């Protein structure tokens, strides 16, 4: 896949997540996908995403920055959400929070095989502290 194809693929993948179109997920994600070094497989990856949407009903992935260098993708995703309960071990409990996730992907065979994700937890903590002040 060339650079333009990989960028288009990623936009389609994010659209799949935002539509919660889980039946299409295997079109984008490898059967043996790893997330932050852990083998989840497609079923585990789907379960992780479904759980995210259960905990955060207004979850929406917004691409803020995208760099494609085949076979890798680097993206900064932006979120403006209201988790129902705790989130990342933080007592969010219905408060609206904004944060970013920096995520890197390695694609093999036309699908995502490796995902490395870092969420700006410190930014969420600062919002919660400011809301309580």
C-alpha atoms as a PDB file:
ATOM      1  CA  UNK A   1       0.000   0.000   0.000  1.00  0.00           C
ATOM      2  CA  UNK A   2       1.413   3.397  -0.927  1.00  0.00           C
ATOM      3  CA  UNK A   3       1.226   6.557   1.226  1.00  0.00           C
ATOM      4  CA  UNK A   4      -2.059   7.835  -0.249  1.00  0.00           C
ATOM      5  CA  UNK A   5      -3.620   4.381  -0.015  1.00  0.00           C
ATOM      6  CA  UNK A   6      -2.542   4.027   3.604  1.00  0.00           C
ATOM      7  CA  UNK A   7      -3.994   7.445   4.504  1.00  0.00           C
ATOM      8  CA  UNK A   8      -7.292   6.531   2.831  1.00  0.00           C
ATOM      9  CA  UNK A   9      -7.282   3.149   4.591  1.00  0.00           C
ATOM     10  CA  UNK A  10      -6.831   4.890   7.959  1.00  0.00           C
ATOM     11  CA  UNK A  11      -9.654   7.369   7.342  1.00  0.00           C
ATOM     12  CA  UNK A  12     -11.898   4.409   6.451  1.00  0.00           C
ATOM     13  CA  UNK A  13     -10.789   2.580   9.613  1.00  0.00           C
ATOM     14  CA  UNK A  14     -11.652   5.597  11.801  1.00  0.00           C
ATOM     15  CA  UNK A  15     -15.028   5.898  10.033  1.00  0.00           C
ATOM     16  CA  UNK A  16     -15.631   2.211  10.839  1.00  0.00           C
ATOM     17  CA  UNK A  17     -14.890   2.850  14.523  1.00  0.00           C
ATOM     18  CA  UNK A  18     -17.094   5.951  14.671  1.00  0.00           C
ATOM     19  CA  UNK A  19     -19.964   4.048  13.036  1.00  0.00           C
ATOM     20  CA  UNK A  20     -19.364   1.121  15.428  1.00  0.00           C
ATOM     21  CA  UNK A  21     -19.515  -1.096  12.371  1.00  0.00           C
ATOM     22  CA  UNK A  22     -17.928  -4.089  14.107  1.00  0.00           C
ATOM     23  CA  UNK A  23     -18.739  -6.495  11.263  1.00  0.00           C
ATOM     24  CA  UNK A  24     -16.345  -4.495   9.055  1.00  0.00           C
ATOM     25  CA  UNK A  25     -13.533  -4.362  11.625  1.00  0.00           C
ATOM     26  CA  UNK A  26     -11.724  -7.415  10.264  1.00  0.00           C
ATOM     27  CA  UNK A  27     -11.361  -5.577   6.959  1.00  0.00           C
ATOM     28  CA  UNK A  28      -8.961  -3.225   8.770  1.00  0.00           C
ATOM     29  CA  UNK A  29      -7.520  -5.243  11.653  1.00  0.00           C
ATOM     30  CA  UNK A  30      -5.358  -8.363  11.409  1.00  0.00           C
ATOM     31  CA  UNK A  31      -6.543 -11.586  13.050  1.00  0.00           C
ATOM     32  CA  UNK A  32      -3.467 -11.523  15.302  1.00  0.00           C
ATOM     33  CA  UNK A  33      -3.478  -7.835  16.227  1.00  0.00           C
ATOM     34  CA  UNK A  34      -1.369  -6.693  19.179  1.00  0.00           C
ATOM     35  CA  UNK A  35      -2.233  -3.669  21.323  1.00  0.00           C
ATOM     36  CA  UNK A  36       0.594  -2.132  23.394  1.00  0.00           C
ATOM     37  CA  UNK A  37       2.531  -5.377  23.126  1.00  0.00           C
ATOM     38  CA  UNK A  38      -0.344  -7.702  24.085  1.00  0.00           C
ATOM     39  CA  UNK A  39      -1.798 -10.153  21.601  1.00  0.00           C
ATOM     40  CA  UNK A  40      -5.545  -9.471  21.560  1.00  0.00           C
ATOM     41  CA  UNK A  41      -6.576 -11.004  18.274  1.00  0.00           C
ATOM     42  CA  UNK A  42      -9.482  -9.560  16.325  1.00  0.00           C
ATOM     43  CA  UNK A  43     -12.061 -10.764  18.896  1.00  0.00           C
ATOM     44  CA  UNK A  44     -10.175  -9.192  21.812  1.00  0.00           C
ATOM     45  CA  UNK A  45      -9.608  -5.953  19.892  1.00  0.00           C
ATOM     46  CA  UNK A  46     -13.297  -5.750  19.045  1.00  0.00           C
ATOM     47  CA  UNK A  47     -14.244  -6.454  22.678  1.00  0.00           C
ATOM     48  CA  UNK A  48     -11.895  -3.646  23.808  1.00  0.00           C
ATOM     49  CA  UNK A  49     -13.540  -1.177  21.406  1.00  0.00           C
ATOM     50  CA  UNK A  50     -17.065  -2.260  22.329  1.00  0.00           C
ATOM     51  CA  UNK A  51     -16.192  -1.816  26.006  1.00  0.00           C
ATOM     52  CA  UNK A  52     -14.844   1.679  25.265  1.00  0.00           C
ATOM     53  CA  UNK A  53     -18.173   2.627  23.680  1.00  0.00           C
ATOM     54  CA  UNK A  54     -20.140   1.175  26.597  1.00  0.00           C
ATOM     55  CA  UNK A  55     -18.078   3.247  29.044  1.00  0.00           C
ATOM     56  CA  UNK A  56     -18.090   6.342  26.821  1.00  0.00           C
ATOM     57  CA  UNK A  57     -21.361   6.476  24.837  1.00  0.00           C
ATOM     58  CA  UNK A  58     -20.404   9.718  23.044  1.00  0.00           C
ATOM     59  CA  UNK A  59     -16.996   8.380  21.964  1.00  0.00           C
ATOM     60  CA  UNK A  60     -15.916   9.820  18.628  1.00  0.00           C
ATOM     61  CA  UNK A  61     -12.464   9.523  17.070  1.00  0.00           C
ATOM     62  CA  UNK A  62     -11.261  12.728  15.415  1.00  0.00           C
ATOM     63  CA  UNK A  63      -8.032  12.697  13.461  1.00  0.00           C
ATOM     64  CA  UNK A  64      -5.981  15.740  14.395  1.00  0.00           C
ATOM     65  CA  UNK A  65      -2.712  14.653  12.774  1.00  0.00           C
ATOM     66  CA  UNK A  66      -1.927  11.810  10.384  1.00  0.00           C
ATOM     67  CA  UNK A  67       1.408  10.679   9.005  1.00  0.00           C
ATOM     68  CA  UNK A  68       1.619   7.635   6.768  1.00  0.00           C
ATOM     69  CA  UNK A  69       4.949   6.045   5.936  1.00  0.00           C
ATOM     70  CA  UNK A  70       4.159   2.558   4.629  1.00  0.00           C
ATOM     71  CA  UNK A  71       3.753   0.198   6.348  1.00  0.00           C
ATOM     72  CA  UNK A  72       3.336   2.493   9.374  1.00  0.00           C
ATOM     73  CA  UNK A  73       0.838   5.124  10.474  1.00  0.00           C
ATOM     74  CA  UNK A  74       1.262   7.765  13.175  1.00  0.00           C
ATOM     75  CA  UNK A  75      -1.822   9.632  14.311  1.00  0.00           C
ATOM     76  CA  UNK A  76      -2.893  12.088  16.963  1.00  0.00           C
ATOM     77  CA  UNK A  77      -6.533  11.545  17.797  1.00  0.00           C
ATOM     78  CA  UNK A  78      -8.621  14.106  19.646  1.00  0.00           C
ATOM     79  CA  UNK A  79     -11.536  13.303  21.948  1.00  0.00           C
ATOM     80  CA  UNK A  80     -14.233  15.407  23.605  1.00  0.00           C
ATOM     81  CA  UNK A  81     -16.231  12.891  25.633  1.00  0.00           C
ATOM     82  CA  UNK A  82     -18.264  12.199  28.756  1.00  0.00           C
ATOM     83  CA  UNK A  83     -17.315   8.844  30.324  1.00  0.00           C
ATOM     84  CA  UNK A  84     -20.105   7.374  32.455  1.00  0.00           C
ATOM     85  CA  UNK A  85     -17.871   6.279  35.336  1.00  0.00           C
ATOM     86  CA  UNK A  86     -14.157   6.022  35.991  1.00  0.00           C
ATOM     87  CA  UNK A  87     -11.776   6.319  33.064  1.00  0.00           C
ATOM     88  CA  UNK A  88      -8.127   5.244  33.115  1.00  0.00           C
ATOM     89  CA  UNK A  89      -8.470   4.870  36.867  1.00  0.00           C
ATOM     90  CA  UNK A  90      -9.652   8.464  37.198  1.00  0.00           C
ATOM     91  CA  UNK A  91     -12.994   9.489  38.785  1.00  0.00           C
ATOM     92  CA  UNK A  92     -14.418  11.163  35.678  1.00  0.00           C
ATOM     93  CA  UNK A  93     -17.979  10.038  36.468  1.00  0.00           C
ATOM     94  CA  UNK A  94     -19.967  11.912  33.865  1.00  0.00           C
ATOM     95  CA  UNK A  95     -17.717  14.958  33.544  1.00  0.00           C
ATOM     96  CA  UNK A  96     -16.872  16.112  30.050  1.00  0.00           C
ATOM     97  CA  UNK A  97     -13.158  15.761  29.289  1.00  0.00           C
ATOM     98  CA  UNK A  98     -11.000  16.602  26.303  1.00  0.00           C
ATOM     99  CA  UNK A  99      -7.798  14.744  25.591  1.00  0.00           C
ATOM    100  CA  UNK A 100      -5.574  13.386  22.859  1.00  0.00           C
ATOM    101  CA  UNK A 101      -4.194   9.972  22.074  1.00  0.00           C
ATOM    102  CA  UNK A 102      -0.967   9.443  20.181  1.00  0.00           C
ATOM    103  CA  UNK A 103      -1.170   6.139  18.382  1.00  0.00           C
ATOM    104  CA  UNK A 104       1.141   4.269  16.048  1.00  0.00           C
ATOM    105  CA  UNK A 105       0.194   1.385  13.796  1.00  0.00           C
ATOM    106  CA  UNK A 106       2.124  -1.209  11.850  1.00  0.00           C
ATOM    107  CA  UNK A 107       0.197  -2.636   8.914  1.00  0.00           C
ATOM    108  CA  UNK A 108       0.943  -6.033   7.395  1.00  0.00           C
ATOM    109  CA  UNK A 109      -0.962  -7.711   4.614  1.00  0.00           C
ATOM    110  CA  UNK A 110      -3.171  -4.658   4.196  1.00  0.00           C
ATOM    111  CA  UNK A 111      -4.417  -4.666   7.795  1.00  0.00           C
ATOM    112  CA  UNK A 112      -3.375  -3.290  11.186  1.00  0.00           C
ATOM    113  CA  UNK A 113      -1.144  -5.798  12.963  1.00  0.00           C
ATOM    114  CA  UNK A 114       0.388  -3.706  15.784  1.00  0.00           C
ATOM    115  CA  UNK A 115      -1.065  -0.768  17.724  1.00  0.00           C
ATOM    116  CA  UNK A 116       0.877   1.344  20.242  1.00  0.00           C
ATOM    117  CA  UNK A 117      -1.275   3.866  22.087  1.00  0.00           C
ATOM    118  CA  UNK A 118      -0.499   6.607  24.612  1.00  0.00           C
ATOM    119  CA  UNK A 119      -3.367   8.646  26.078  1.00  0.00           C
ATOM    120  CA  UNK A 120      -2.763  12.049  27.683  1.00  0.00           C
ATOM    121  CA  UNK A 121      -3.866  10.983  31.162  1.00  0.00           C
ATOM    122  CA  UNK A 122      -2.127  13.969  32.790  1.00  0.00           C
ATOM    123  CA  UNK A 123      -4.294  16.295  30.709  1.00  0.00           C
ATOM    124  CA  UNK A 124      -7.437  14.566  31.977  1.00  0.00           C
ATOM    125  CA  UNK A 125      -6.177  14.747  35.573  1.00  0.00           C
ATOM    126  CA  UNK A 126      -5.599  18.504  35.217  1.00  0.00           C
ATOM    127  CA  UNK A 127      -9.165  18.998  33.924  1.00  0.00           C
ATOM    128  CA  UNK A 128     -10.583  17.047  36.855  1.00  0.00           C
ATOM    129  CA  UNK A 129      -8.518  19.095  39.331  1.00  0.00           C
ATOM    130  CA  UNK A 130      -9.630  22.362  37.730  1.00  0.00           C
ATOM    131  CA  UNK A 131     -13.275  21.250  37.809  1.00  0.00           C
ATOM    132  CA  UNK A 132     -12.974  20.520  41.525  1.00  0.00           C
ATOM    133  CA  UNK A 133     -11.309  23.846  42.332  1.00  0.00           C
END
